Amino acid sequence: MKITIGNILKQTRQSQGLTQKAVADGICSQAMLSSLEHNKYIPNAQLIIALCQRLSISLEQLNLAENYAISNDKKLNQKLNFLCNQHQYQLLFELLHQDSTLNSLTTPSQIQSYYYYLAISEFQLKLDVTHAVQHLKLALASESSKQSVLRRLCLGTLGLILNLHTSSSGDVYLQQSLKNLQDNIYHPNLNILFYLQAFNAYHQQNFLECTHTIENGLSFITNHDSHYMLANLYYLLAKVASKTNNLNLQNEATQRSKIFTELFNERPYQDFKI
């Protein structure tokens, strides 16, 4: 299936057991949503935002495409995976503090994963941000022999938290998270790195850099035949458009055409005589 906004919204709606009528209620007509899901209509920024909010496609709550093991205990890893995917951060925080969990950590990679999840739970629970920063730095120190996907996630997350919630700059960590990305065998979790960078630029009100990073991310994702993080990147792009949309309809349509051209490699017919 081709990756489009319509397909993403349709898959998300169906996975939640919602009807078109329920999703469209108060936002747009059911016929318009149907046209969007069948890729017959390109929505404006506000409509994308409203539909993403209705379907809980969130800027803040992101799942990894695949979680990382913190133990050789399969059941413990499965429980962690469930809590992460359900955004049960309080229960995750408690699980990570159990003696049985701490005693099961055996390898540097597992220790790195442990500190990463601990930092994520602390950040999401809005605990003292210095703890999340410290634990991300411990995660980086636990396994520094290679620039793994998880290490890149730790770098990107640390950079974003520092920039959003402290007086320290996290730019160097964000830059390191994307440096020489081609050296890694592709994994969908790498898609998150572009989002972290773009989200950081958005909050710094550097909308040009944000848009540039999103476009690079969309290209990276589709070049690897992936769809993970597309919905979130589109949502963020819509937020940027709502902040900067001071062009007339023609320019806006031209820009959207350019974005979709780059994303889907579908060159629009341009040889118009009149």
Protein backbone atom coordinates (compact mmCIF):
# COMPACT_ATOMS: atom_id res chain seq x y z
CA MET A 1 0.00 0.00 0.00
CA LYS A 2 1.28 3.46 -0.90
CA ILE A 3 2.09 5.59 2.13
CA THR A 4 -0.16 8.65 2.16
CA ILE A 5 -1.79 10.80 4.80
CA GLY A 6 -5.12 9.25 3.88
CA ASN A 7 -3.87 5.71 4.33
CA ILE A 8 -2.24 6.55 7.66
CA LEU A 9 -5.41 8.13 9.03
CA LYS A 10 -7.54 5.25 7.73
CA GLN A 11 -5.29 2.59 9.29
CA THR A 12 -5.22 4.45 12.61
CA ARG A 13 -9.01 4.90 12.62
CA GLN A 14 -9.64 1.24 11.84
CA SER A 15 -7.12 0.06 14.45
CA GLN A 16 -9.10 2.03 17.05
CA GLY A 17 -12.41 0.56 15.88
CA LEU A 18 -13.83 3.97 14.94
CA THR A 19 -16.25 4.73 12.14
CA GLN A 20 -15.73 7.51 9.63
CA LYS A 21 -18.78 9.23 11.09
CA ALA A 22 -17.32 9.22 14.61
CA VAL A 23 -13.95 10.58 13.49
CA ALA A 24 -15.44 13.25 11.22
CA ASP A 25 -18.06 14.46 13.72
CA GLY A 26 -17.60 18.17 14.36
CA ILE A 27 -14.50 18.37 12.13
CA CYS A 28 -15.60 17.76 8.57
CA SER A 29 -18.20 15.84 6.62
CA GLN A 30 -18.02 12.07 6.45
CA ALA A 31 -17.80 12.40 2.67
CA MET A 32 -14.73 14.62 3.00
CA LEU A 33 -13.03 12.14 5.35
CA SER A 34 -13.87 9.33 2.93
CA SER A 35 -12.32 11.31 0.07
CA LEU A 36 -9.24 11.96 2.19
CA GLU A 37 -8.86 8.28 3.13
CA HIS A 38 -9.12 7.35 -0.55
CA ASN A 39 -6.46 9.94 -1.41
CA LYS A 40 -8.83 12.04 -3.49
CA TYR A 41 -8.36 15.16 -1.37
CA ILE A 42 -5.33 16.94 0.11
CA PRO A 43 -6.39 18.51 3.44
CA ASN A 44 -5.29 21.87 4.76
CA ALA A 45 -3.10 22.14 7.83
CA GLN A 46 -5.92 22.77 10.32
CA LEU A 47 -7.85 19.72 9.13
CA ILE A 48 -4.78 17.49 9.50
CA ILE A 49 -4.25 18.78 13.04
CA ALA A 50 -7.89 18.24 14.01
CA LEU A 51 -8.00 14.69 12.65
CA CYS A 52 -4.67 13.78 14.26
CA GLN A 53 -5.94 15.08 17.60
CA ARG A 54 -9.18 13.10 17.21
CA LEU A 55 -7.17 9.94 16.53
CA SER A 56 -4.66 10.70 19.31
CA ILE A 57 -1.71 10.89 16.95
CA SER A 58 0.36 12.81 19.45
CA LEU A 59 3.40 15.04 19.37
CA GLU A 60 4.40 14.09 22.87
CA GLN A 61 3.65 10.38 23.18
CA LEU A 62 5.71 8.34 20.78
CA ASN A 63 6.25 4.60 20.70
CA LEU A 64 9.44 3.04 19.50
CA ALA A 65 8.90 0.84 16.49
CA GLU A 66 10.59 -1.86 18.54
CA ASN A 67 11.58 -1.75 22.20
CA TYR A 68 14.91 -2.86 23.66
CA ALA A 69 15.58 -5.70 26.07
CA ILE A 70 16.67 -4.86 29.60
CA SER A 71 17.05 -8.46 30.72
CA ASN A 72 17.38 -12.08 29.66
CA ASP A 73 13.97 -12.56 31.30
CA LYS A 74 11.53 -12.74 28.40
CA LYS A 75 8.48 -11.99 30.56
CA LEU A 76 10.12 -8.89 32.01
CA ASN A 77 10.93 -7.61 28.54
CA GLN A 78 7.38 -8.29 27.40
CA LYS A 79 5.99 -6.38 30.37
CA LEU A 80 8.27 -3.43 29.64
CA ASN A 81 7.21 -3.51 26.00
CA PHE A 82 3.53 -3.44 26.98
CA LEU A 83 3.93 -0.59 29.46
CA CYS A 84 5.90 1.49 26.96
CA ASN A 85 3.41 0.98 24.16
CA GLN A 86 0.51 1.82 26.47
CA HIS A 87 2.31 4.91 27.84
CA GLN A 88 1.94 3.56 31.38
CA TYR A 89 4.90 5.56 32.64
CA GLN A 90 4.13 5.35 36.35
CA LEU A 91 3.96 1.56 36.19
CA LEU A 92 7.09 1.53 34.03
CA PHE A 93 8.88 3.71 36.59
CA GLU A 94 7.87 1.33 39.38
CA LEU A 95 8.90 -1.74 37.37
CA LEU A 96 12.34 -0.29 36.76
CA HIS A 97 12.86 0.27 40.49
CA GLN A 98 12.00 -3.29 41.53
CA ASP A 99 14.89 -5.30 42.95
CA SER A 100 14.09 -8.19 40.62
CA THR A 101 14.51 -5.87 37.64
CA LEU A 102 17.77 -4.40 38.89
CA ASN A 103 19.16 -7.85 39.64
CA SER A 104 18.39 -9.05 36.11
CA LEU A 105 20.66 -6.53 34.36
CA THR A 106 23.70 -8.40 33.08
CA THR A 107 25.12 -6.83 29.90
CA PRO A 108 26.21 -3.27 28.97
CA SER A 109 23.46 -3.13 26.35
CA GLN A 110 20.81 -4.09 28.90
CA ILE A 111 22.11 -1.48 31.33
CA GLN A 112 21.99 1.13 28.59
CA SER A 113 18.40 0.17 27.78
CA TYR A 114 17.50 0.30 31.46
CA TYR A 115 18.76 3.85 31.94
CA TYR A 116 17.11 4.97 28.71
CA TYR A 117 13.69 3.75 29.81
CA LEU A 118 14.20 5.11 33.31
CA ALA A 119 14.93 8.55 31.86
CA ILE A 120 11.91 8.38 29.56
CA SER A 121 9.59 7.45 32.44
CA GLU A 122 10.99 10.26 34.61
CA PHE A 123 10.59 12.80 31.82
CA GLN A 124 7.04 11.74 30.98
CA LEU A 125 6.05 11.82 34.67
CA LYS A 126 7.46 15.36 34.87
CA LEU A 127 9.82 14.46 37.68
CA ASP A 128 13.01 16.44 38.33
CA VAL A 129 14.47 16.77 34.84
CA THR A 130 18.00 16.56 36.21
CA HIS A 131 17.37 12.88 36.97
CA ALA A 132 16.36 12.16 33.38
CA VAL A 133 19.45 14.00 32.14
CA GLN A 134 21.71 12.07 34.53
CA HIS A 135 20.23 8.73 33.54
CA LEU A 136 20.57 9.44 29.82
CA LYS A 137 24.22 10.28 30.40
CA LEU A 138 24.59 7.01 32.32
CA ALA A 139 22.96 5.20 29.40
CA LEU A 140 25.52 6.72 27.05
CA ALA A 141 28.37 5.77 29.38
CA SER A 142 27.09 2.20 29.83
CA GLU A 143 27.73 1.21 26.22
CA SER A 144 30.00 3.54 24.31
CA SER A 145 31.80 1.08 22.05
CA LYS A 146 29.53 1.66 19.07
CA GLN A 147 27.06 4.18 17.69
CA SER A 148 24.07 1.87 18.00
CA VAL A 149 20.49 2.87 17.24
CA LEU A 150 19.74 3.04 20.96
CA ARG A 151 22.79 5.21 21.59
CA ARG A 152 21.55 7.60 18.91
CA LEU A 153 18.14 7.69 20.58
CA CYS A 154 19.80 8.52 23.90
CA LEU A 155 21.77 11.34 22.28
CA GLY A 156 18.74 12.82 20.55
CA THR A 157 16.51 12.56 23.61
CA LEU A 158 19.17 14.09 25.85
CA GLY A 159 19.67 16.98 23.44
CA LEU A 160 15.96 17.71 23.24
CA ILE A 161 15.42 17.58 27.01
CA LEU A 162 18.39 19.88 27.64
CA ASN A 163 17.11 22.43 25.15
CA LEU A 164 13.50 22.32 26.29
CA HIS A 165 13.91 22.20 30.04
CA THR A 166 17.36 23.41 31.10
CA SER A 167 19.66 26.36 30.55
CA SER A 168 22.24 24.07 28.95
CA SER A 169 22.44 23.60 25.20
CA GLY A 170 21.67 20.17 23.82
CA ASP A 171 22.47 21.00 20.21
CA VAL A 172 25.70 19.00 20.16
CA TYR A 173 23.85 15.85 21.28
CA LEU A 174 21.16 16.31 18.64
CA GLN A 175 23.83 16.77 15.97
CA GLN A 176 25.69 13.66 17.13
CA SER A 177 22.50 11.61 17.01
CA LEU A 178 22.24 12.12 13.24
CA LYS A 179 25.95 12.17 12.38
CA ASN A 180 27.03 9.48 9.88
CA LEU A 181 23.58 7.91 10.00
CA GLN A 182 24.45 5.84 6.93
CA ASP A 183 26.89 3.85 9.08
CA ASN A 184 23.99 2.07 10.79
CA ILE A 185 22.02 -0.77 9.29
CA TYR A 186 18.56 0.70 8.83
CA HIS A 187 16.10 0.29 11.68
CA PRO A 188 12.71 2.06 11.94
CA ASN A 189 13.70 3.57 15.29
CA LEU A 190 16.18 5.75 13.39
CA ASN A 191 13.17 7.62 12.01
CA ILE A 192 12.60 9.13 15.46
CA LEU A 193 15.87 11.07 15.26
CA PHE A 194 14.51 13.39 12.58
CA TYR A 195 11.43 14.03 14.66
CA LEU A 196 13.46 14.92 17.75
CA GLN A 197 15.56 17.35 15.71
CA ALA A 198 12.50 18.91 14.05
CA PHE A 199 10.58 19.14 17.32
CA ASN A 200 13.54 20.96 18.83
CA ALA A 201 13.64 23.44 15.94
CA TYR A 202 9.89 23.99 16.25
CA HIS A 203 10.18 24.96 19.89
CA GLN A 204 13.04 27.29 19.05
CA GLN A 205 10.67 28.85 16.48
CA ASN A 206 13.17 28.05 13.76
CA PHE A 207 10.45 27.00 11.36
CA LEU A 208 12.71 26.93 8.31
CA GLU A 209 15.06 24.43 9.93
CA CYS A 210 12.08 22.49 11.27
CA THR A 211 10.58 22.17 7.80
CA HIS A 212 13.96 21.22 6.30
CA THR A 213 14.47 18.50 8.93
CA ILE A 214 10.95 17.16 8.41
CA GLU A 215 11.51 16.96 4.66
CA ASN A 216 14.79 15.11 5.21
CA GLY A 217 13.01 12.76 7.60
CA LEU A 218 10.19 12.07 5.17
CA SER A 219 12.73 11.31 2.45
CA PHE A 220 14.74 9.04 4.76
CA ILE A 221 11.65 7.12 5.84
CA THR A 222 10.16 6.56 2.41
CA ASN A 223 13.54 5.70 0.88
CA HIS A 224 13.63 2.81 3.35
CA ASP A 225 10.05 1.73 2.53
CA SER A 226 8.95 2.54 6.06
CA HIS A 227 5.92 4.33 7.45
CA TYR A 228 6.93 4.63 11.10
CA MET A 229 6.80 8.27 12.32
CA LEU A 230 5.20 9.61 9.12
CA ALA A 231 1.98 10.50 10.93
CA ASN A 232 3.88 12.42 13.60
CA LEU A 233 6.11 14.20 11.10
CA TYR A 234 3.07 15.20 9.06
CA TYR A 235 1.38 16.45 12.19
CA LEU A 236 4.41 18.56 13.06
CA LEU A 237 4.58 19.85 9.51
CA ALA A 238 0.95 20.90 9.79
CA LYS A 239 1.74 22.74 13.01
CA VAL A 240 4.56 24.59 11.26
CA ALA A 241 2.23 25.47 8.38
CA SER A 242 -0.30 26.88 10.84
CA LYS A 243 2.43 29.11 12.26
CA THR A 244 3.85 30.34 8.96
CA ASN A 245 0.90 30.20 6.57
CA ASN A 246 0.89 33.79 5.35
CA LEU A 247 1.05 32.96 1.64
CA ASN A 248 -1.87 32.99 -0.75
CA LEU A 249 -3.63 29.82 -1.78
CA GLN A 250 -1.58 29.41 -4.94
CA ASN A 251 1.74 29.46 -3.12
CA GLU A 252 0.40 27.13 -0.45
CA ALA A 253 -0.77 24.65 -3.07
CA THR A 254 2.59 24.86 -4.83
CA GLN A 255 4.45 24.13 -1.62
CA ARG A 256 2.20 21.17 -0.84
CA SER A 257 2.77 19.84 -4.33
CA LYS A 258 6.53 20.07 -3.79
CA ILE A 259 6.32 18.20 -0.48
CA PHE A 260 4.19 15.42 -1.94
CA THR A 261 6.46 15.19 -4.98
CA GLU A 262 9.50 14.66 -2.78
CA LEU A 263 7.67 12.22 -0.54
CA PHE A 264 6.03 9.95 -3.11
CA ASN A 265 8.39 10.46 -6.08
CA GLU A 266 5.38 11.35 -8.23
CA ARG A 267 6.36 14.17 -10.56
CA PRO A 268 3.33 16.33 -11.33
CA TYR A 269 2.62 17.16 -14.96
CA GLN A 270 4.09 20.63 -15.53
CA ASP A 271 4.09 21.15 -19.29
CA PHE A 272 1.03 23.40 -19.30
CA LYS A 273 0.62 25.66 -22.32
CA ILE A 274 -1.95 27.99 -20.74
